[in-house]
Amino acid sequence: MLLAEDPLDLLLDRLRALSPGDRRAVLARLSPAERRRVEAALRAPAETAPTHAEDIAARIAAPAGDPAMTAAGREALARVAGRTVTSPVAGPAPSLFGRLGGAMGRR
C-alpha cells in the first residue's frame, strides 16, 4: 500500500504496473490538481538509470597496463555491464612482490 510520504517515482512505477482500468480507478480518487500532475508525469518519458556504476565504467576503460585491473577482471566486469572488451594479451603479470615493490616506490 502506498503512503502519502512515498515519493512520486514509487507511485508512478506502481501505476505503470497496473492494468489500464485499475490505473483509471486510482487516478479517479485523486484531486483534479493531483490527477493532472500524475498524468503528466506518466506521459513523460521515464528516465533510464545507468546499467552500471561510473567507477565500473572507468575500470573497464582503464588502460591495459593498469596494475589495478587484470585482463580477466576487466573482461568479467565488461560481461556483467553488457559490453564487449578484448584486451590484448600481455606478458606475464608482475608477481605480488613486484607489485608491492612498485607500490612502495622501489628506488
N, C-alpha and C. Protein backbone atom coordinates (compact mmCIF):
# COMPACT_ATOMS: atom_id res chain seq x y z
N MET A 1 0.84 -1.18 0.00
CA MET A 1 0.00 0.00 0.00
C MET A 1 0.88 1.24 0.00
N LEU A 2 0.51 2.21 -0.78
CA LEU A 2 1.27 3.45 -0.83
C LEU A 2 0.85 4.38 0.29
N LEU A 3 1.81 5.06 0.83
CA LEU A 3 1.55 6.05 1.86
C LEU A 3 1.72 7.43 1.27
N ALA A 4 1.20 8.43 1.94
CA ALA A 4 1.30 9.80 1.46
C ALA A 4 2.76 10.26 1.42
N GLU A 5 3.62 9.65 2.25
CA GLU A 5 5.02 10.07 2.30
C GLU A 5 5.86 9.43 1.20
N ASP A 6 5.32 8.45 0.49
CA ASP A 6 6.09 7.78 -0.56
C ASP A 6 6.39 8.75 -1.70
N PRO A 7 7.55 8.62 -2.31
CA PRO A 7 7.91 9.54 -3.40
C PRO A 7 7.06 9.30 -4.65
N LEU A 8 6.97 10.33 -5.46
CA LEU A 8 6.18 10.27 -6.68
C LEU A 8 6.70 9.18 -7.62
N ASP A 9 8.01 8.97 -7.64
CA ASP A 9 8.58 7.95 -8.53
C ASP A 9 8.04 6.56 -8.19
N LEU A 10 7.91 6.27 -6.91
CA LEU A 10 7.37 4.97 -6.49
C LEU A 10 5.92 4.84 -6.93
N LEU A 11 5.15 5.89 -6.78
CA LEU A 11 3.75 5.88 -7.22
C LEU A 11 3.66 5.64 -8.72
N LEU A 12 4.51 6.33 -9.48
CA LEU A 12 4.49 6.18 -10.93
C LEU A 12 4.86 4.76 -11.34
N ASP A 13 5.85 4.17 -10.69
CA ASP A 13 6.23 2.80 -11.01
C ASP A 13 5.08 1.84 -10.75
N ARG A 14 4.41 2.02 -9.64
CA ARG A 14 3.30 1.13 -9.32
C ARG A 14 2.11 1.36 -10.24
N LEU A 15 1.86 2.61 -10.62
CA LEU A 15 0.76 2.88 -11.54
C LEU A 15 1.04 2.29 -12.92
N ARG A 16 2.27 2.36 -13.36
CA ARG A 16 2.62 1.79 -14.67
C ARG A 16 2.44 0.28 -14.68
N ALA A 17 2.58 -0.36 -13.53
CA ALA A 17 2.45 -1.82 -13.44
C ALA A 17 0.98 -2.25 -13.43
N LEU A 18 0.06 -1.34 -13.16
CA LEU A 18 -1.36 -1.68 -13.09
C LEU A 18 -1.98 -1.80 -14.48
N SER A 19 -3.10 -2.48 -14.54
CA SER A 19 -3.86 -2.53 -15.79
C SER A 19 -4.48 -1.16 -16.02
N PRO A 20 -4.86 -0.83 -17.26
CA PRO A 20 -5.43 0.50 -17.53
C PRO A 20 -6.68 0.80 -16.69
N GLY A 21 -7.54 -0.18 -16.49
CA GLY A 21 -8.74 0.04 -15.68
C GLY A 21 -8.42 0.36 -14.22
N ASP A 22 -7.49 -0.40 -13.66
CA ASP A 22 -7.08 -0.15 -12.28
C ASP A 22 -6.39 1.21 -12.14
N ARG A 23 -5.59 1.57 -13.15
CA ARG A 23 -4.92 2.87 -13.13
C ARG A 23 -5.95 4.00 -13.13
N ARG A 24 -6.98 3.88 -13.99
CA ARG A 24 -8.02 4.92 -14.01
C ARG A 24 -8.76 5.00 -12.68
N ALA A 25 -9.00 3.85 -12.03
CA ALA A 25 -9.68 3.85 -10.73
C ALA A 25 -8.85 4.56 -9.67
N VAL A 26 -7.55 4.35 -9.69
CA VAL A 26 -6.68 5.02 -8.72
C VAL A 26 -6.65 6.51 -9.00
N LEU A 27 -6.51 6.88 -10.26
CA LEU A 27 -6.45 8.31 -10.61
C LEU A 27 -7.77 9.01 -10.30
N ALA A 28 -8.88 8.30 -10.37
CA ALA A 28 -10.19 8.90 -10.07
C ALA A 28 -10.29 9.32 -8.61
N ARG A 29 -9.51 8.70 -7.74
CA ARG A 29 -9.55 9.02 -6.31
C ARG A 29 -8.74 10.27 -5.97
N LEU A 30 -7.94 10.76 -6.91
CA LEU A 30 -7.10 11.94 -6.66
C LEU A 30 -7.88 13.22 -6.93
N SER A 31 -7.40 14.30 -6.37
CA SER A 31 -7.99 15.61 -6.66
C SER A 31 -7.61 15.97 -8.11
N PRO A 32 -8.35 16.90 -8.73
CA PRO A 32 -8.04 17.26 -10.12
C PRO A 32 -6.59 17.74 -10.30
N ALA A 33 -6.08 18.53 -9.37
CA ALA A 33 -4.70 19.02 -9.49
C ALA A 33 -3.71 17.87 -9.37
N GLU A 34 -3.95 16.96 -8.41
CA GLU A 34 -3.07 15.81 -8.26
C GLU A 34 -3.13 14.91 -9.48
N ARG A 35 -4.33 14.71 -10.02
CA ARG A 35 -4.51 13.86 -11.19
C ARG A 35 -3.74 14.41 -12.38
N ARG A 36 -3.84 15.73 -12.59
CA ARG A 36 -3.09 16.34 -13.71
C ARG A 36 -1.59 16.15 -13.54
N ARG A 37 -1.11 16.33 -12.32
CA ARG A 37 0.32 16.18 -12.05
C ARG A 37 0.78 14.75 -12.31
N VAL A 38 0.01 13.78 -11.83
CA VAL A 38 0.39 12.38 -12.00
C VAL A 38 0.27 11.96 -13.46
N GLU A 39 -0.78 12.38 -14.14
CA GLU A 39 -0.93 12.02 -15.56
C GLU A 39 0.18 12.63 -16.41
N ALA A 40 0.58 13.87 -16.08
CA ALA A 40 1.69 14.49 -16.81
C ALA A 40 2.99 13.71 -16.57
N ALA A 41 3.19 13.27 -15.35
CA ALA A 41 4.40 12.51 -15.03
C ALA A 41 4.36 11.14 -15.70
N LEU A 42 3.18 10.54 -15.82
CA LEU A 42 3.06 9.25 -16.50
C LEU A 42 3.34 9.37 -18.00
N ARG A 43 2.94 10.49 -18.59
CA ARG A 43 3.18 10.71 -20.02
C ARG A 43 4.63 11.02 -20.33
N ALA A 44 5.33 11.60 -19.37
CA ALA A 44 6.75 11.96 -19.58
C ALA A 44 7.56 10.68 -19.74
N PRO A 45 8.55 10.71 -20.60
CA PRO A 45 9.37 9.50 -20.76
C PRO A 45 10.10 9.19 -19.47
N ALA A 46 10.10 7.93 -19.12
CA ALA A 46 10.77 7.50 -17.89
C ALA A 46 12.28 7.62 -18.09
N GLU A 47 12.96 8.15 -17.09
CA GLU A 47 14.41 8.27 -17.15
C GLU A 47 15.01 6.88 -16.98
N THR A 48 15.97 6.58 -17.78
CA THR A 48 16.62 5.29 -17.66
C THR A 48 17.86 5.43 -16.80
N ALA A 49 17.94 4.60 -15.83
CA ALA A 49 19.09 4.62 -14.94
C ALA A 49 20.26 3.92 -15.62
N PRO A 50 21.46 4.35 -15.32
CA PRO A 50 22.60 3.67 -15.92
C PRO A 50 22.61 2.21 -15.49
N THR A 51 23.09 1.35 -16.37
CA THR A 51 23.09 -0.07 -16.05
C THR A 51 24.24 -0.47 -15.14
N HIS A 52 25.21 0.38 -15.01
CA HIS A 52 26.33 0.09 -14.12
C HIS A 52 26.90 1.40 -13.60
N ALA A 53 27.61 1.29 -12.53
CA ALA A 53 28.16 2.48 -11.88
C ALA A 53 29.31 3.07 -12.70
N GLU A 54 29.54 4.34 -12.50
CA GLU A 54 30.59 5.03 -13.24
C GLU A 54 31.98 4.51 -12.88
N ASP A 55 32.18 4.07 -11.65
CA ASP A 55 33.50 3.56 -11.30
C ASP A 55 33.79 2.25 -12.01
N ILE A 56 32.75 1.45 -12.28
CA ILE A 56 32.94 0.22 -13.05
C ILE A 56 33.29 0.58 -14.49
N ALA A 57 32.62 1.58 -15.05
CA ALA A 57 32.92 2.00 -16.42
C ALA A 57 34.36 2.50 -16.51
N ALA A 58 34.83 3.21 -15.49
CA ALA A 58 36.20 3.70 -15.50
C ALA A 58 37.19 2.54 -15.44
N ARG A 59 36.86 1.53 -14.67
CA ARG A 59 37.75 0.37 -14.58
C ARG A 59 37.80 -0.38 -15.90
N ILE A 60 36.65 -0.50 -16.57
CA ILE A 60 36.62 -1.19 -17.87
C ILE A 60 37.44 -0.41 -18.89
N ALA A 61 37.36 0.93 -18.83
CA ALA A 61 38.06 1.76 -19.81
C ALA A 61 39.52 2.01 -19.45
N ALA A 62 39.97 1.51 -18.31
CA ALA A 62 41.36 1.73 -17.89
C ALA A 62 42.31 1.11 -18.90
N PRO A 63 43.51 1.69 -19.05
CA PRO A 63 44.48 1.13 -20.00
C PRO A 63 44.86 -0.31 -19.62
N ALA A 64 45.29 -1.06 -20.61
CA ALA A 64 45.60 -2.48 -20.40
C ALA A 64 46.75 -2.68 -19.41
N GLY A 65 47.64 -1.74 -19.28
CA GLY A 65 48.77 -1.89 -18.38
C GLY A 65 48.49 -1.46 -16.95
N ASP A 66 47.25 -1.09 -16.65
CA ASP A 66 46.89 -0.63 -15.31
C ASP A 66 47.04 -1.78 -14.31
N PRO A 67 47.89 -1.62 -13.28
CA PRO A 67 48.11 -2.74 -12.35
C PRO A 67 46.91 -3.03 -11.45
N ALA A 68 45.93 -2.14 -11.39
CA ALA A 68 44.77 -2.36 -10.53
C ALA A 68 43.76 -3.30 -11.15
N MET A 69 43.89 -3.59 -12.45
CA MET A 69 42.89 -4.42 -13.13
C MET A 69 43.58 -5.40 -14.06
N THR A 70 43.30 -6.68 -13.86
CA THR A 70 43.83 -7.69 -14.78
C THR A 70 42.92 -7.78 -16.00
N ALA A 71 43.41 -8.41 -17.04
CA ALA A 71 42.61 -8.57 -18.25
C ALA A 71 41.37 -9.41 -17.97
N ALA A 72 41.52 -10.46 -17.17
CA ALA A 72 40.38 -11.32 -16.84
C ALA A 72 39.34 -10.54 -16.02
N GLY A 73 39.81 -9.73 -15.10
CA GLY A 73 38.89 -8.91 -14.30
C GLY A 73 38.15 -7.90 -15.15
N ARG A 74 38.87 -7.28 -16.08
CA ARG A 74 38.26 -6.29 -16.98
C ARG A 74 37.19 -6.96 -17.85
N GLU A 75 37.50 -8.15 -18.36
CA GLU A 75 36.53 -8.86 -19.19
C GLU A 75 35.31 -9.29 -18.39
N ALA A 76 35.51 -9.70 -17.13
CA ALA A 76 34.38 -10.09 -16.28
C ALA A 76 33.48 -8.90 -16.00
N LEU A 77 34.06 -7.75 -15.68
CA LEU A 77 33.26 -6.55 -15.45
C LEU A 77 32.52 -6.14 -16.72
N ALA A 78 33.19 -6.22 -17.83
CA ALA A 78 32.56 -5.85 -19.10
C ALA A 78 31.39 -6.78 -19.41
N ARG A 79 31.56 -8.07 -19.13
CA ARG A 79 30.48 -9.03 -19.37
C ARG A 79 29.27 -8.70 -18.51
N VAL A 80 29.49 -8.38 -17.26
CA VAL A 80 28.39 -8.03 -16.35
C VAL A 80 27.73 -6.73 -16.79
N ALA A 81 28.51 -5.77 -17.27
CA ALA A 81 27.98 -4.48 -17.70
C ALA A 81 27.37 -4.55 -19.09
N GLY A 82 27.48 -5.69 -19.77
CA GLY A 82 26.89 -5.83 -21.09
C GLY A 82 27.74 -5.26 -22.21
N ARG A 83 29.01 -5.13 -21.99
CA ARG A 83 29.91 -4.62 -23.01
C ARG A 83 30.83 -5.74 -23.49
N THR A 84 31.44 -5.50 -24.61
CA THR A 84 32.45 -6.44 -25.08
C THR A 84 33.79 -5.73 -25.08
N VAL A 85 34.75 -6.34 -24.45
CA VAL A 85 36.09 -5.78 -24.36
C VAL A 85 37.07 -6.89 -24.74
N THR A 86 37.93 -6.58 -25.64
CA THR A 86 39.00 -7.53 -25.96
C THR A 86 40.30 -6.89 -25.53
N SER A 87 40.90 -7.49 -24.54
CA SER A 87 42.16 -6.97 -24.02
C SER A 87 43.31 -7.68 -24.71
N PRO A 88 44.32 -6.93 -25.10
CA PRO A 88 45.47 -7.60 -25.68
C PRO A 88 46.16 -8.43 -24.61
N VAL A 89 46.59 -9.60 -25.00
CA VAL A 89 47.27 -10.48 -24.04
C VAL A 89 48.70 -9.99 -23.91
N ALA A 90 49.02 -9.55 -22.72
CA ALA A 90 50.36 -9.06 -22.44
C ALA A 90 51.19 -10.21 -21.88
N GLY A 91 52.40 -9.91 -21.57
CA GLY A 91 53.27 -10.90 -20.95
C GLY A 91 52.75 -11.27 -19.58
N PRO A 92 53.48 -12.08 -18.86
CA PRO A 92 53.02 -12.47 -17.53
C PRO A 92 52.89 -11.26 -16.62
N ALA A 93 51.90 -11.33 -15.77
CA ALA A 93 51.66 -10.23 -14.84
C ALA A 93 52.77 -10.20 -13.80
N PRO A 94 53.05 -9.02 -13.25
CA PRO A 94 54.09 -8.96 -12.22
C PRO A 94 53.65 -9.74 -10.98
N SER A 95 54.61 -10.26 -10.27
CA SER A 95 54.31 -11.02 -9.06
C SER A 95 53.81 -10.08 -7.97
N LEU A 96 53.28 -10.69 -6.92
CA LEU A 96 52.80 -9.90 -5.79
C LEU A 96 53.95 -9.08 -5.20
N PHE A 97 55.12 -9.69 -5.11
CA PHE A 97 56.28 -8.97 -4.59
C PHE A 97 56.64 -7.79 -5.50
N GLY A 98 56.55 -7.99 -6.81
CA GLY A 98 56.83 -6.92 -7.76
C GLY A 98 55.82 -5.78 -7.63
N ARG A 99 54.57 -6.13 -7.43
CA ARG A 99 53.54 -5.08 -7.26
C ARG A 99 53.75 -4.31 -5.97
N LEU A 100 54.07 -5.03 -4.89
CA LEU A 100 54.33 -4.33 -3.62
C LEU A 100 55.54 -3.40 -3.75
N GLY A 101 56.57 -3.87 -4.43
CA GLY A 101 57.75 -3.03 -4.63
C GLY A 101 57.41 -1.79 -5.44
N GLY A 102 56.56 -1.96 -6.45
CA GLY A 102 56.14 -0.80 -7.25
C GLY A 102 55.28 0.15 -6.45
N ALA A 103 54.43 -0.40 -5.59
CA ALA A 103 53.55 0.46 -4.78
C ALA A 103 54.33 1.22 -3.72
N MET A 104 55.43 0.62 -3.24
CA MET A 104 56.21 1.26 -2.19
C MET A 104 57.27 2.18 -2.76
N GLY A 105 57.32 2.28 -4.08
CA GLY A 105 58.27 3.21 -4.69
C GLY A 105 59.69 2.71 -4.66
N ARG A 106 59.89 1.54 -5.23
CA ARG A 106 61.22 0.96 -5.29
C ARG A 106 62.20 1.96 -5.91
N ARG A 107 63.39 2.05 -5.37
CA ARG A 107 64.36 3.03 -5.85
C ARG A 107 65.53 2.39 -6.45
